[in-house]
Protein backbone atom coordinates (compact mmCIF):
# COMPACT_ATOMS: atom_id res chain seq x y z
CA MET A 1 -1.76 -12.01 44.47
CA ASN A 2 -3.63 -12.56 41.54
CA ILE A 3 -2.29 -15.03 39.35
CA LEU A 4 -3.44 -13.89 36.35
CA ALA A 5 -1.79 -10.66 36.59
CA THR A 6 2.33 -11.33 37.07
CA ALA A 7 5.09 -12.08 35.09
CA TRP A 8 5.70 -10.86 31.63
CA THR A 9 3.01 -8.14 31.13
CA GLU A 10 0.35 -7.99 33.75
CA LEU A 11 -0.44 -6.15 37.44
CA PRO A 12 -0.98 -7.95 40.91
CA ALA A 13 -4.29 -7.07 41.67
CA SER A 14 -2.94 -5.97 45.34
CA PHE A 15 -2.06 -3.11 43.31
CA ASP A 16 -4.46 -2.65 40.64
CA GLU A 17 -7.52 -2.91 42.72
CA LYS A 18 -6.84 0.09 44.81
CA ARG A 19 -6.90 2.17 42.34
CA LEU A 20 -9.33 0.91 39.57
CA ALA A 21 -11.43 -1.78 41.38
CA ARG A 22 -15.09 -1.01 42.31
CA PRO A 23 -17.06 -1.51 45.55
CA THR A 24 -19.17 -3.88 43.96
CA GLU A 25 -17.41 -6.09 41.58
CA LYS A 26 -17.14 -9.75 42.00
CA PRO A 27 -13.99 -11.32 41.84
CA GLY A 28 -13.32 -13.10 38.79
CA ARG A 29 -12.17 -16.41 38.27
CA ARG A 30 -8.33 -17.46 39.07
CA TYR A 31 -6.21 -20.04 37.04
CA LEU A 32 -4.06 -21.30 39.20
CA SER A 33 -2.64 -23.80 36.46
CA ILE A 34 -1.29 -20.78 34.31
CA ASP A 35 1.10 -19.96 37.12
CA VAL A 36 2.19 -23.40 37.62
CA LEU A 37 2.69 -23.84 33.76
CA ARG A 38 4.57 -20.37 34.08
CA GLY A 39 6.32 -21.71 37.78
CA LEU A 40 7.60 -24.97 35.81
CA ALA A 41 8.45 -23.10 32.68
CA ALA A 42 10.95 -21.08 34.54
CA ILE A 43 12.78 -24.41 36.36
CA LEU A 44 13.15 -25.67 33.20
CA MET A 45 14.56 -22.69 31.87
CA VAL A 46 17.29 -22.84 34.67
CA GLN A 47 18.41 -25.95 34.47
CA ASP A 48 18.41 -25.80 30.97
CA HIS A 49 20.56 -22.37 31.13
CA PHE A 50 23.17 -23.40 33.35
CA ALA A 51 23.86 -27.23 31.63
CA GLU A 52 23.87 -24.86 28.33
CA HIS A 53 25.84 -22.26 29.64
CA LEU A 54 28.62 -23.78 31.67
CA SER A 55 28.63 -27.05 30.20
CA SER A 56 29.01 -28.82 26.64
CA ASP A 57 28.15 -31.91 25.04
CA ILE A 58 32.09 -32.84 25.05
CA ALA A 59 33.47 -34.21 28.26
CA SER A 60 30.44 -34.40 29.91
CA PRO A 61 28.00 -36.95 30.10
CA LEU A 62 26.63 -36.72 27.21
CA TYR A 63 22.93 -38.22 27.33
CA LEU A 64 22.33 -35.49 30.48
CA TYR A 65 23.41 -32.88 27.78
CA VAL A 66 21.37 -34.34 25.56
CA VAL A 67 17.94 -34.64 28.10
CA SER A 68 18.50 -31.17 29.75
CA THR A 69 18.87 -28.87 26.54
CA ASN A 70 16.41 -30.71 24.80
CA VAL A 71 13.63 -30.32 28.02
CA GLY A 72 14.87 -26.85 27.90
CA LEU A 73 12.88 -25.97 24.44
CA ALA A 74 10.03 -26.09 26.90
CA PRO A 75 10.40 -22.46 28.24
CA ALA A 76 10.33 -20.13 25.38
CA PRO A 77 7.20 -20.76 23.93
CA ILE A 78 5.67 -21.57 27.28
CA PHE A 79 6.39 -17.91 28.31
CA ALA A 80 5.56 -16.28 24.46
CA PHE A 81 2.00 -18.37 24.67
CA LEU A 82 1.40 -17.28 28.15
CA ALA A 83 2.31 -13.49 27.72
CA GLY A 84 -0.70 -13.60 24.95
CA LEU A 85 -3.23 -15.34 26.92
CA SER A 86 -2.40 -13.82 30.19
CA TYR A 87 -2.60 -10.58 28.31
CA SER A 88 -6.17 -11.50 26.94
CA LEU A 89 -7.16 -12.37 30.57
CA TRP A 90 -6.04 -9.06 31.86
CA LEU A 91 -7.93 -7.43 29.29
CA ASN A 92 -11.41 -9.21 30.61
CA VAL A 93 -10.57 -7.85 34.05
CA GLN A 94 -10.07 -4.25 32.60
CA ALA A 95 -13.57 -4.76 30.70
CA ARG A 96 -15.56 -5.60 33.93
CA ARG A 97 -13.47 -2.99 35.75
CA GLN A 98 -14.81 -0.15 33.08
CA LEU A 99 -10.94 0.91 32.79
CA ASN A 100 -11.40 3.51 29.90
CA SER A 101 -9.43 2.34 26.16
CA ASP A 102 -6.77 5.33 26.94
CA ASP A 103 -5.75 3.57 29.95
CA VAL A 104 -5.52 0.11 28.38
CA VAL A 105 -3.26 1.43 25.51
CA LYS A 106 -1.15 3.41 27.91
CA TYR A 107 -0.52 0.64 30.50
CA SER A 108 0.08 -1.92 27.61
CA ILE A 109 2.35 0.16 25.59
CA ARG A 110 4.41 1.35 28.90
CA ARG A 111 4.55 -2.58 29.87
CA GLY A 112 5.95 -3.93 26.53
CA ALA A 113 8.08 -0.80 26.43
CA PHE A 114 9.57 -1.78 29.65
CA LEU A 115 9.81 -5.51 28.74
CA PHE A 116 11.57 -4.32 25.77
CA ALA A 117 14.08 -2.00 27.51
CA LEU A 118 15.27 -4.59 30.11
CA GLY A 119 15.44 -7.23 27.44
CA ILE A 120 18.30 -4.71 25.81
CA ALA A 121 19.90 -3.99 29.16
CA VAL A 122 20.19 -7.97 30.07
CA ASN A 123 22.20 -8.61 26.90
CA ILE A 124 24.45 -5.42 27.67
CA PHE A 125 24.95 -6.30 31.43
CA VAL A 126 24.59 -9.92 31.63
CA TRP A 127 25.96 -10.90 27.95
CA LEU A 128 28.29 -7.94 27.36
CA PRO A 129 27.75 -5.31 24.79
CA LYS A 130 28.93 -7.24 22.26
CA GLU A 131 25.08 -9.02 22.26
CA THR A 132 23.35 -5.86 22.94
CA PHE A 133 21.26 -6.59 19.75
CA ASN A 134 20.72 -10.27 19.84
CA TRP A 135 17.06 -10.70 20.22
CA ASP A 136 16.23 -12.71 23.24
CA ILE A 137 13.08 -13.78 24.71
CA LEU A 138 12.74 -10.50 26.91
CA THR A 139 13.01 -8.09 23.65
CA LEU A 140 10.12 -10.64 21.79
CA ILE A 141 7.54 -10.33 24.65
CA GLY A 142 7.74 -6.90 24.84
CA ALA A 143 7.85 -6.19 21.10
CA SER A 144 4.58 -8.65 21.17
CA THR A 145 2.98 -7.01 24.07
CA ILE A 146 2.58 -3.74 22.27
CA LEU A 147 1.75 -5.55 18.90
CA LEU A 148 -1.58 -7.24 20.89
CA VAL A 149 -2.84 -3.79 21.71
CA PHE A 150 -3.31 -2.93 18.26
CA VAL A 151 -4.79 -6.42 17.62
CA ARG A 152 -6.76 -6.66 21.05
CA SER A 153 -10.39 -5.95 18.90
CA TRP A 154 -9.69 -8.58 16.24
CA PRO A 155 -11.80 -11.77 16.07
CA PRO A 156 -9.84 -14.50 16.80
CA ARG A 157 -10.19 -16.22 13.45
CA ALA A 158 -8.41 -13.02 12.39
CA ILE A 159 -5.49 -13.17 14.55
CA ILE A 160 -5.15 -17.43 13.50
CA GLY A 161 -5.29 -16.17 9.96
CA VAL A 162 -2.15 -13.85 10.51
CA CYS A 163 -0.50 -16.73 12.23
CA VAL A 164 -1.04 -19.22 9.58
CA ALA A 165 0.57 -16.26 7.23
CA VAL A 166 3.45 -15.74 9.44
CA LEU A 167 4.14 -19.34 9.07
CA LEU A 168 3.83 -19.46 5.30
CA ILE A 169 6.19 -16.41 4.82
CA ALA A 170 8.53 -16.54 7.59
CA PRO A 171 10.70 -20.17 5.90
CA PRO A 172 11.32 -18.24 2.33
CA LEU A 173 12.08 -14.76 4.03
CA ARG A 174 14.63 -16.62 6.23
CA ASP A 175 16.00 -17.94 3.09
CA LEU A 176 15.99 -14.81 1.59
CA SER A 177 17.98 -12.96 4.31
CA HIS A 178 20.93 -15.62 4.59
CA TYR A 179 19.46 -16.94 8.05
CA ASP A 180 22.38 -19.43 8.17
CA MET A 181 25.29 -16.97 7.19
CA HIS A 182 24.31 -15.22 11.05
CA TRP A 183 24.89 -18.81 12.57
CA LYS A 184 27.93 -20.09 14.09
CA ASP A 185 28.37 -23.35 16.50
CA ASN A 186 25.26 -22.41 17.36
CA GLU A 187 25.51 -18.87 18.35
CA TYR A 188 23.54 -15.83 16.48
CA ILE A 189 26.23 -13.51 14.65
CA TYR A 190 25.67 -10.00 13.43
CA SER A 191 27.50 -7.11 13.23
CA PHE A 192 26.26 -3.60 14.29
CA GLU A 193 24.66 -2.40 11.00
CA LEU A 194 21.33 -0.85 10.89
CA GLY A 195 20.44 -3.53 8.27
CA GLN A 196 21.90 -6.32 10.23
CA VAL A 197 20.17 -5.37 13.64
CA LEU A 198 16.74 -5.17 11.51
CA LEU A 199 16.88 -8.66 10.17
CA GLY A 200 17.88 -10.12 13.34
CA PHE A 201 14.99 -8.75 15.05
CA PHE A 202 12.49 -9.37 12.21
CA LEU A 203 14.07 -12.63 11.43
CA ASN A 204 18.09 -13.70 12.02
CA GLY A 205 17.87 -13.40 16.27
CA TYR A 206 17.72 -15.41 18.97
CA PHE A 207 14.00 -15.04 19.19
CA PRO A 208 12.84 -12.94 16.23
CA LEU A 209 9.72 -11.86 15.53
CA LEU A 210 9.08 -14.10 12.70
CA PRO A 211 7.63 -16.56 13.47
CA TRP A 212 8.07 -16.51 17.25
CA VAL A 213 4.86 -13.93 17.42
CA VAL A 214 2.44 -16.53 16.56
CA TYR A 215 3.29 -17.74 20.51
CA PRO A 216 1.40 -15.00 22.13
CA LEU A 217 -0.99 -14.25 18.84
CA VAL A 218 -2.32 -17.59 19.41
CA GLY A 219 -2.04 -17.54 23.45
CA PHE A 220 -4.16 -14.02 22.92
CA ALA A 221 -6.83 -16.09 20.83
CA VAL A 222 -6.89 -18.90 22.76
CA GLY A 223 -7.64 -16.52 26.42
CA GLN A 224 -10.36 -14.93 24.11
CA MET A 225 -11.88 -18.26 22.63
CA PHE A 226 -12.16 -20.44 25.72
CA TYR A 227 -10.92 -18.39 28.98
CA THR A 228 -13.62 -16.38 31.02
CA GLN A 229 -13.69 -14.53 34.14
CA ASP A 230 -16.85 -16.34 35.61
CA THR A 231 -16.56 -17.20 39.36
CA THR A 232 -18.07 -20.45 38.54
CA LYS A 233 -15.48 -23.53 38.15
CA GLN A 234 -16.40 -25.15 34.34
CA SER A 235 -13.18 -26.74 32.33
CA LEU A 236 -11.99 -25.88 29.42
CA PRO A 237 -14.09 -27.44 26.42
CA PHE A 238 -12.88 -30.61 25.29
CA VAL A 239 -12.42 -28.68 21.39
CA VAL A 240 -9.09 -27.40 23.04
CA VAL A 241 -8.11 -30.91 23.17
CA LEU A 242 -8.66 -31.81 19.98
CA LEU A 243 -7.15 -28.84 18.53
CA GLY A 244 -3.93 -29.46 20.24
CA THR A 245 -4.03 -33.30 19.19
CA LEU A 246 -4.51 -32.00 15.79
CA LEU A 247 -1.51 -29.36 15.93
CA VAL A 248 0.81 -32.20 16.79
CA CYS A 249 -0.17 -34.52 14.08
CA VAL A 250 0.02 -32.07 11.47
CA SER A 251 3.40 -31.54 12.58
CA VAL A 252 4.77 -35.51 13.16
CA SER A 253 3.08 -35.35 9.44
CA LEU A 254 5.28 -32.35 8.13
CA TYR A 255 8.59 -34.46 9.68
CA LEU A 256 7.73 -37.59 8.29
CA LEU A 257 6.67 -36.18 4.72
CA HIS A 258 10.05 -34.44 4.27
CA PRO A 259 11.29 -36.76 1.93
CA TYR A 260 8.23 -37.43 -0.06
CA VAL A 261 7.33 -33.28 -0.81
CA PRO A 262 8.92 -31.35 -3.45
CA GLY A 263 12.11 -29.71 -2.33
CA TRP A 264 10.85 -26.20 -1.50
CA VAL A 265 8.06 -27.62 0.90
CA ALA A 266 10.61 -29.97 2.57
CA ASP A 267 12.95 -26.93 3.08
CA TYR A 268 10.95 -24.54 3.85
CA TYR A 269 7.84 -26.36 5.91
CA ALA A 270 8.33 -30.10 6.33
CA THR A 271 11.23 -29.92 8.33
CA ARG A 272 12.96 -31.31 11.41
CA MET A 273 10.81 -30.61 14.52
CA VAL A 274 13.16 -29.36 16.73
CA ASP A 275 17.37 -28.25 16.46
CA HIS A 276 17.12 -25.93 19.77
CA PHE A 277 14.78 -23.83 17.70
CA TYR A 278 17.12 -22.44 15.84
CA PRO A 279 15.57 -21.37 13.81
CA ALA A 280 11.82 -22.09 15.09
CA THR A 281 10.73 -24.97 12.18
CA THR A 282 7.32 -25.07 11.03
CA SER A 283 6.92 -28.24 12.42
CA PHE A 284 8.13 -26.68 15.75
CA VAL A 285 5.86 -24.31 16.06
CA LEU A 286 2.93 -26.44 15.39
CA GLY A 287 4.05 -29.39 17.52
CA SER A 288 4.91 -27.13 20.49
CA LEU A 289 1.86 -25.11 20.60
CA GLY A 290 -0.47 -28.22 20.17
CA ALA A 291 1.56 -29.88 23.37
CA LEU A 292 0.80 -26.40 24.97
CA LEU A 293 -2.76 -26.60 24.28
CA LEU A 294 -2.92 -30.42 25.58
CA GLY A 295 -0.84 -29.03 29.00
CA LEU A 296 -3.50 -26.22 29.75
CA ALA A 297 -6.35 -28.59 29.54
CA LEU A 298 -4.64 -31.33 31.48
CA LEU A 299 -3.46 -28.60 34.05
CA ASP A 300 -6.90 -27.38 34.23
CA ARG A 301 -8.45 -30.36 35.29
CA VAL A 302 -6.13 -31.22 37.69
CA ILE A 303 -5.91 -27.88 39.26
CA ASP A 304 -8.25 -25.35 38.32
CA VAL A 305 -11.45 -27.43 38.36
CA ASN A 306 -10.12 -30.16 41.12
CA PRO A 307 -12.41 -29.69 43.96
CA LEU A 308 -9.80 -31.28 46.23
CA VAL A 309 -6.80 -29.08 45.18
CA SER A 310 -6.01 -25.95 47.54
CA SER A 311 -4.22 -22.66 46.42
CA THR A 312 -2.16 -23.41 49.48
CA ASN A 313 -0.87 -26.48 48.68
CA PRO A 314 3.04 -26.47 49.18
CA VAL A 315 3.76 -28.06 45.54
CA LEU A 316 1.41 -25.48 43.80
CA ALA A 317 2.78 -22.67 45.90
CA PHE A 318 6.45 -23.92 45.15
CA PHE A 319 5.45 -23.75 41.00
CA ARG A 320 3.26 -20.35 41.63
CA ARG A 321 5.97 -18.32 43.37
CA PHE A 322 8.40 -18.89 40.42
CA GLY A 323 5.39 -18.08 38.07
CA CYS A 324 4.81 -14.93 40.30
CA PHE A 325 8.50 -13.67 40.43
CA VAL A 326 9.27 -15.07 37.13
CA LEU A 327 11.31 -12.13 35.37
CA THR A 328 13.06 -11.26 38.61
CA THR A 329 14.18 -15.38 38.33
CA TYR A 330 14.95 -14.95 34.69
CA VAL A 331 17.01 -11.52 35.59
CA VAL A 332 19.00 -13.01 38.48
CA HIS A 333 19.74 -16.84 37.47
CA LEU A 334 21.50 -15.33 34.31
CA ALA A 335 23.72 -12.83 36.07
CA ALA A 336 24.55 -15.86 38.74
CA HIS A 337 25.95 -18.50 36.62
CA THR A 338 27.45 -15.95 33.63
CA TRP A 339 29.25 -13.41 35.89
CA PRO A 340 31.38 -15.58 37.77
CA MET A 341 32.18 -16.98 34.24
CA TRP A 342 33.26 -13.53 33.21
CA ILE A 343 35.00 -12.71 35.93
CA ALA A 344 37.06 -15.85 36.23
CA ALA A 345 38.44 -15.12 33.21
CA ILE A 346 39.19 -11.74 33.60
CA TRP A 347 40.88 -12.67 36.92
CA ASP A 348 42.52 -15.35 34.98
CA GLY A 349 44.05 -12.85 32.45
CA LYS A 350 42.56 -14.31 29.19
CA ASN A 351 42.01 -11.59 26.52
CA ASP A 352 38.09 -12.88 26.01
CA PRO A 353 35.68 -12.84 29.43
CA THR A 354 33.76 -15.22 27.34
CA GLU A 355 36.65 -17.66 27.46
CA TYR A 356 34.96 -19.96 29.62
CA TYR A 357 31.41 -19.88 28.27
CA GLY A 358 30.03 -23.94 27.59
CA SER A 359 33.18 -25.34 29.17
CA ALA A 360 33.62 -24.51 33.05
CA VAL A 361 32.11 -27.33 34.69
CA SER A 362 30.84 -31.07 33.50
CA THR A 363 27.21 -30.92 32.57
CA SER A 364 26.48 -33.50 36.06
CA THR A 365 27.94 -30.40 37.73
CA ALA A 366 26.12 -27.88 36.38
CA LEU A 367 22.80 -29.29 37.03
CA TRP A 368 23.91 -29.62 40.47
CA LEU A 369 24.63 -25.79 40.46
CA ALA A 370 21.11 -25.36 39.39
CA VAL A 371 19.81 -27.47 41.65
CA ALA A 372 21.20 -25.94 44.18
CA PHE A 373 19.99 -21.82 42.49
CA ILE A 374 16.86 -23.09 42.31
CA ALA A 375 16.61 -24.51 46.18
CA LEU A 376 18.13 -21.31 47.72
CA PHE A 377 15.64 -18.82 45.29
CA ALA A 378 12.84 -21.21 46.28
CA PHE A 379 13.69 -19.79 50.17
CA PHE A 380 14.15 -16.22 48.84
CA LEU A 381 10.86 -16.12 47.48
CA PRO A 382 8.67 -15.73 50.17
CA PHE A 383 10.37 -12.78 51.22
CA LEU A 384 10.17 -11.49 48.13
CA GLU A 385 6.23 -12.19 48.57
CA ARG A 386 5.90 -10.19 51.53
CA HIS A 387 8.36 -7.68 50.30
CA LYS A 388 7.56 -6.92 46.66
CA LYS A 389 9.47 -3.95 46.29
CA TYR A 390 12.45 -5.60 46.15
CA SER A 391 11.44 -7.33 42.77
CA ILE A 392 11.63 -6.50 39.21
CA GLU A 393 8.05 -6.93 38.91
CA TYR A 394 7.54 -4.49 41.16
CA PHE A 395 9.62 -2.14 39.93
CA LEU A 396 7.78 -3.12 36.20
CA ARG A 397 4.49 -1.05 38.02
CA TRP A 398 6.13 1.41 39.56
CA ILE A 399 7.78 2.84 36.66
CA CYS A 400 5.10 1.76 34.30
CA ASP A 401 1.76 3.00 35.96
């Protein structure tokens, strides 16, 4: 399976090549590091969701809860960033295959719409109907995929300019939308009104378009600038490390300058770096983007251009499988740990099926359950590799192409 063409937006090579590849076409370069990073994000996501949804910092080992939820800050930026990067690489493949522009637009919009609709379905059937429009990560990536179709021919500098504009306007727009009034105890609250739903999508939800669209846009620009489909193994240029370091330094500087700048600057830009990214502050976005660039550069040197590393390495295979089936992992792990809570509450006669949310078990027990899920699902993933038609990724390809 082509590791560039999986998960949130791509097609596996085994499917695509049957229809689009040319007999004389040379295979493009394979970036194992991308799937490894995506797989690592999937595992971090699982442990974070089990700990955060099944337990709380009350009556739990506090250090475990804090460490788990802080490590859990990483997956969403990784997924959103890699959605843009992978789309850039996929476009390079289609350009080499000379796929016409209409088909590129058709396939891309179908995938984006599928992911968006799947996100709404997950909200309804996993998080229950009252959370239909909470605007979680799948709706963000679906909408971003559609947006990337329309900027795919833009030069990277123009895309980066849009990202800067988004980071500048998002904080004051949140202020105008009364962001804090839509949150209580770190939970998003909204009413089923068109205005509320739209504000949630753009500004107030869990993963609103502003500023989260910056991640896929930057990922796309990075793919256009620094990644190549050449078969020769060349490491990412050192400028990627410099850019990552610069973004981290700017992020830390904004945080440290908080007491010394005018109030509006402190409120909008020189804010805390992390607070479970609700909202995603400017310093958090810049710092996480910098960390992502540094992580990509490190993994590229350790995995992609290292002659001693093989794609059959069992450790790499473990992460790659989770990376290749991250969409299936996402949906299954949510159902696996939330549905038992809803069923138990209904069985016990509770008026609210979410009665046990955040208080079902201790954090240590929740993390052991996460380890058990990861182990069982890792055992199941080779079956999905052999029988891809049972995965959500296959259903995405079947329905969208």
